N, C-alpha and C. Protein backbone atom coordinates (compact mmCIF):
# COMPACT_ATOMS: atom_id res chain seq x y z
N THR A 1 29.82 -45.03 14.94
CA THR A 1 28.42 -44.83 14.60
C THR A 1 27.60 -44.69 15.89
N LEU A 2 26.39 -44.19 15.73
CA LEU A 2 25.50 -44.07 16.88
C LEU A 2 25.24 -45.44 17.50
N GLU A 3 25.07 -46.43 16.68
CA GLU A 3 24.82 -47.77 17.21
C GLU A 3 25.97 -48.26 18.09
N GLU A 4 27.19 -48.01 17.67
CA GLU A 4 28.35 -48.43 18.47
C GLU A 4 28.38 -47.71 19.82
N VAL A 5 28.11 -46.41 19.79
CA VAL A 5 28.08 -45.63 21.04
C VAL A 5 26.99 -46.16 21.96
N LEU A 6 25.81 -46.42 21.39
CA LEU A 6 24.70 -46.93 22.21
C LEU A 6 25.02 -48.29 22.81
N ARG A 7 25.64 -49.15 22.04
CA ARG A 7 26.00 -50.48 22.56
C ARG A 7 26.98 -50.36 23.73
N ASP A 8 27.96 -49.48 23.58
CA ASP A 8 28.93 -49.27 24.67
C ASP A 8 28.24 -48.69 25.90
N ALA A 9 27.36 -47.73 25.69
CA ALA A 9 26.65 -47.11 26.80
C ALA A 9 25.76 -48.12 27.51
N LYS A 10 25.14 -48.98 26.75
CA LYS A 10 24.26 -49.99 27.35
C LYS A 10 25.05 -50.93 28.26
N GLU A 11 26.23 -51.30 27.84
CA GLU A 11 27.07 -52.19 28.67
C GLU A 11 27.38 -51.55 30.02
N SER A 12 27.50 -50.22 30.04
CA SER A 12 27.84 -49.50 31.26
C SER A 12 26.61 -48.91 31.96
N ASN A 13 25.44 -49.14 31.37
CA ASN A 13 24.18 -48.61 31.92
C ASN A 13 24.21 -47.08 32.03
N LEU A 14 24.78 -46.43 31.01
CA LEU A 14 24.87 -44.97 30.97
C LEU A 14 23.67 -44.36 30.27
N VAL A 15 23.21 -43.22 30.76
CA VAL A 15 22.16 -42.46 30.08
C VAL A 15 22.82 -41.69 28.95
N VAL A 16 22.20 -41.71 27.78
CA VAL A 16 22.75 -41.06 26.59
C VAL A 16 21.81 -39.94 26.16
N LYS A 17 22.38 -38.76 25.95
CA LYS A 17 21.64 -37.62 25.42
C LYS A 17 21.92 -37.57 23.91
N ILE A 18 20.88 -37.79 23.12
CA ILE A 18 21.03 -37.83 21.66
C ILE A 18 20.49 -36.53 21.08
N GLU A 19 21.37 -35.76 20.40
CA GLU A 19 20.90 -34.56 19.72
C GLU A 19 20.56 -34.92 18.29
N LEU A 20 19.31 -34.67 17.92
CA LEU A 20 18.83 -34.95 16.56
C LEU A 20 19.16 -33.74 15.70
N LYS A 21 20.07 -33.92 14.75
CA LYS A 21 20.55 -32.77 13.96
C LYS A 21 20.02 -32.76 12.54
N GLY A 22 20.10 -33.86 11.85
CA GLY A 22 19.70 -33.89 10.45
C GLY A 22 18.20 -33.99 10.28
N PRO A 23 17.72 -33.66 9.09
CA PRO A 23 16.28 -33.80 8.83
C PRO A 23 15.85 -35.26 8.88
N ASN A 24 14.69 -35.47 9.41
CA ASN A 24 14.09 -36.81 9.45
C ASN A 24 14.95 -37.85 10.17
N THR A 25 15.61 -37.44 11.25
CA THR A 25 16.44 -38.39 12.00
C THR A 25 15.71 -38.97 13.20
N ALA A 26 14.58 -38.39 13.59
CA ALA A 26 13.90 -38.82 14.82
C ALA A 26 13.45 -40.28 14.75
N LEU A 27 12.71 -40.65 13.72
CA LEU A 27 12.15 -42.00 13.67
C LEU A 27 13.22 -43.09 13.51
N PRO A 28 14.21 -42.92 12.63
CA PRO A 28 15.26 -43.94 12.57
C PRO A 28 16.02 -44.07 13.89
N THR A 29 16.21 -42.96 14.58
CA THR A 29 16.89 -43.01 15.88
C THR A 29 16.05 -43.76 16.90
N LEU A 30 14.76 -43.48 16.93
CA LEU A 30 13.86 -44.21 17.83
C LEU A 30 13.90 -45.70 17.54
N ASP A 31 13.86 -46.04 16.26
CA ASP A 31 13.89 -47.47 15.88
C ASP A 31 15.17 -48.14 16.37
N LEU A 32 16.30 -47.47 16.23
CA LEU A 32 17.58 -48.03 16.68
C LEU A 32 17.59 -48.21 18.20
N VAL A 33 17.15 -47.19 18.93
CA VAL A 33 17.12 -47.27 20.39
C VAL A 33 16.21 -48.41 20.85
N GLU A 34 15.08 -48.56 20.20
CA GLU A 34 14.15 -49.64 20.56
C GLU A 34 14.75 -51.01 20.21
N LYS A 35 15.40 -51.09 19.07
CA LYS A 35 16.04 -52.36 18.66
C LYS A 35 17.07 -52.80 19.71
N LEU A 36 17.76 -51.83 20.29
CA LEU A 36 18.79 -52.14 21.29
C LEU A 36 18.21 -52.21 22.70
N ASP A 37 16.90 -52.04 22.83
CA ASP A 37 16.23 -52.09 24.14
C ASP A 37 16.84 -51.08 25.11
N MET A 38 16.92 -49.81 24.64
CA MET A 38 17.56 -48.76 25.43
C MET A 38 16.65 -47.55 25.68
N VAL A 39 15.36 -47.72 25.52
CA VAL A 39 14.45 -46.59 25.69
C VAL A 39 14.67 -45.91 27.03
N HIS A 40 14.87 -46.68 28.07
CA HIS A 40 15.03 -46.14 29.42
C HIS A 40 16.36 -45.42 29.63
N LEU A 41 17.29 -45.57 28.68
CA LEU A 41 18.61 -44.96 28.82
C LEU A 41 18.85 -43.79 27.88
N CYS A 42 17.88 -43.42 27.06
CA CYS A 42 18.10 -42.38 26.05
C CYS A 42 17.16 -41.20 26.22
N HIS A 43 17.73 -40.01 26.05
CA HIS A 43 16.98 -38.76 26.03
C HIS A 43 17.28 -38.09 24.69
N TYR A 44 16.31 -37.37 24.14
CA TYR A 44 16.44 -36.78 22.81
C TYR A 44 16.31 -35.27 22.90
N SER A 45 17.14 -34.56 22.12
CA SER A 45 17.04 -33.11 22.07
C SER A 45 17.30 -32.65 20.64
N SER A 46 16.85 -31.41 20.37
CA SER A 46 17.07 -30.85 19.05
C SER A 46 16.78 -29.36 19.06
N PHE A 47 17.49 -28.61 18.20
CA PHE A 47 17.16 -27.21 17.94
C PHE A 47 15.95 -27.14 17.02
N ASN A 48 15.71 -28.21 16.28
CA ASN A 48 14.59 -28.29 15.34
C ASN A 48 13.38 -28.87 16.09
N LEU A 49 12.45 -28.01 16.46
CA LEU A 49 11.33 -28.45 17.29
C LEU A 49 10.43 -29.47 16.59
N SER A 50 10.47 -29.51 15.26
CA SER A 50 9.67 -30.52 14.56
C SER A 50 10.19 -31.93 14.84
N GLN A 51 11.48 -32.06 15.14
CA GLN A 51 12.04 -33.36 15.51
C GLN A 51 11.46 -33.82 16.85
N ILE A 52 11.34 -32.89 17.80
CA ILE A 52 10.76 -33.20 19.10
C ILE A 52 9.28 -33.56 18.93
N ARG A 53 8.59 -32.80 18.10
CA ARG A 53 7.17 -33.07 17.84
C ARG A 53 6.99 -34.46 17.23
N THR A 54 7.89 -34.84 16.33
CA THR A 54 7.82 -36.17 15.71
C THR A 54 7.91 -37.26 16.78
N ILE A 55 8.82 -37.09 17.72
CA ILE A 55 8.96 -38.09 18.79
C ILE A 55 7.69 -38.13 19.64
N ARG A 56 7.19 -36.97 20.03
CA ARG A 56 5.98 -36.91 20.86
C ARG A 56 4.78 -37.55 20.17
N GLU A 57 4.64 -37.31 18.87
CA GLU A 57 3.51 -37.87 18.13
C GLU A 57 3.68 -39.37 17.90
N ALA A 58 4.90 -39.80 17.63
CA ALA A 58 5.14 -41.22 17.34
C ALA A 58 5.16 -42.07 18.60
N ARG A 59 5.61 -41.49 19.71
CA ARG A 59 5.75 -42.25 20.96
C ARG A 59 5.20 -41.43 22.13
N PRO A 60 3.87 -41.33 22.24
CA PRO A 60 3.27 -40.49 23.29
C PRO A 60 3.14 -41.17 24.65
N GLN A 61 3.69 -42.36 24.80
CA GLN A 61 3.50 -43.14 26.03
C GLN A 61 4.00 -42.39 27.26
N ARG A 62 3.22 -42.55 28.34
CA ARG A 62 3.60 -41.98 29.64
C ARG A 62 3.66 -43.11 30.66
N SER A 63 4.46 -42.92 31.66
CA SER A 63 4.57 -43.89 32.75
C SER A 63 3.28 -43.90 33.54
N SER A 64 2.76 -45.08 33.81
CA SER A 64 1.53 -45.18 34.60
C SER A 64 1.78 -44.82 36.06
N LEU A 65 3.03 -44.87 36.50
CA LEU A 65 3.37 -44.53 37.88
C LEU A 65 3.59 -43.04 38.10
N THR A 66 4.32 -42.41 37.16
CA THR A 66 4.71 -41.01 37.37
C THR A 66 4.02 -40.03 36.43
N GLY A 67 3.49 -40.52 35.33
CA GLY A 67 2.89 -39.63 34.34
C GLY A 67 3.92 -39.00 33.42
N GLU A 68 5.20 -39.26 33.65
CA GLU A 68 6.25 -38.71 32.80
C GLU A 68 6.27 -39.43 31.45
N TYR A 69 6.71 -38.70 30.43
CA TYR A 69 6.87 -39.33 29.13
C TYR A 69 7.94 -40.41 29.22
N VAL A 70 7.68 -41.54 28.59
CA VAL A 70 8.65 -42.64 28.55
C VAL A 70 9.84 -42.24 27.67
N TYR A 71 9.56 -41.55 26.56
CA TYR A 71 10.60 -41.08 25.66
C TYR A 71 10.90 -39.64 26.05
N LYS A 72 12.03 -39.43 26.70
CA LYS A 72 12.40 -38.12 27.25
C LYS A 72 12.92 -37.20 26.14
N THR A 73 12.41 -35.96 26.12
CA THR A 73 12.84 -35.00 25.12
C THR A 73 13.16 -33.66 25.75
N GLY A 74 13.93 -32.87 25.02
CA GLY A 74 14.23 -31.51 25.43
C GLY A 74 14.48 -30.65 24.22
N ALA A 75 13.92 -29.46 24.22
CA ALA A 75 14.13 -28.53 23.12
C ALA A 75 15.38 -27.71 23.38
N LEU A 76 16.17 -27.48 22.36
CA LEU A 76 17.37 -26.66 22.45
C LEU A 76 17.13 -25.33 21.75
N PHE A 77 17.67 -24.25 22.31
CA PHE A 77 17.51 -22.92 21.73
C PHE A 77 18.87 -22.23 21.64
N SER A 78 19.12 -21.52 20.54
CA SER A 78 20.36 -20.76 20.44
C SER A 78 20.21 -19.41 21.14
N ASP A 79 18.99 -18.91 21.24
CA ASP A 79 18.68 -17.69 21.98
C ASP A 79 17.58 -18.00 22.96
N VAL A 80 17.49 -17.21 24.01
CA VAL A 80 16.42 -17.39 24.97
C VAL A 80 15.12 -16.93 24.32
N PRO A 81 14.10 -17.82 24.27
CA PRO A 81 12.83 -17.42 23.65
C PRO A 81 12.13 -16.37 24.49
N GLU A 82 11.38 -15.50 23.83
CA GLU A 82 10.65 -14.46 24.55
C GLU A 82 9.33 -14.97 25.05
């Protein structure tokens, strides 16, 4: 399960790239990452841009030092956008 992978990654202090695939997976995934205190170790990506938007709207926090988003995201594309 995702939780098992995250727990193992946390023990090793590994950064995890989580691809959000199914509908409405963003918020439950965020909740799990927060429950495991792994926000600093997880990045989120998706081909479905509404999943990325959900994360941005739900967790808009930025670092006061760098201005970077605390919840790291990346959009995936099957073709290069014009």
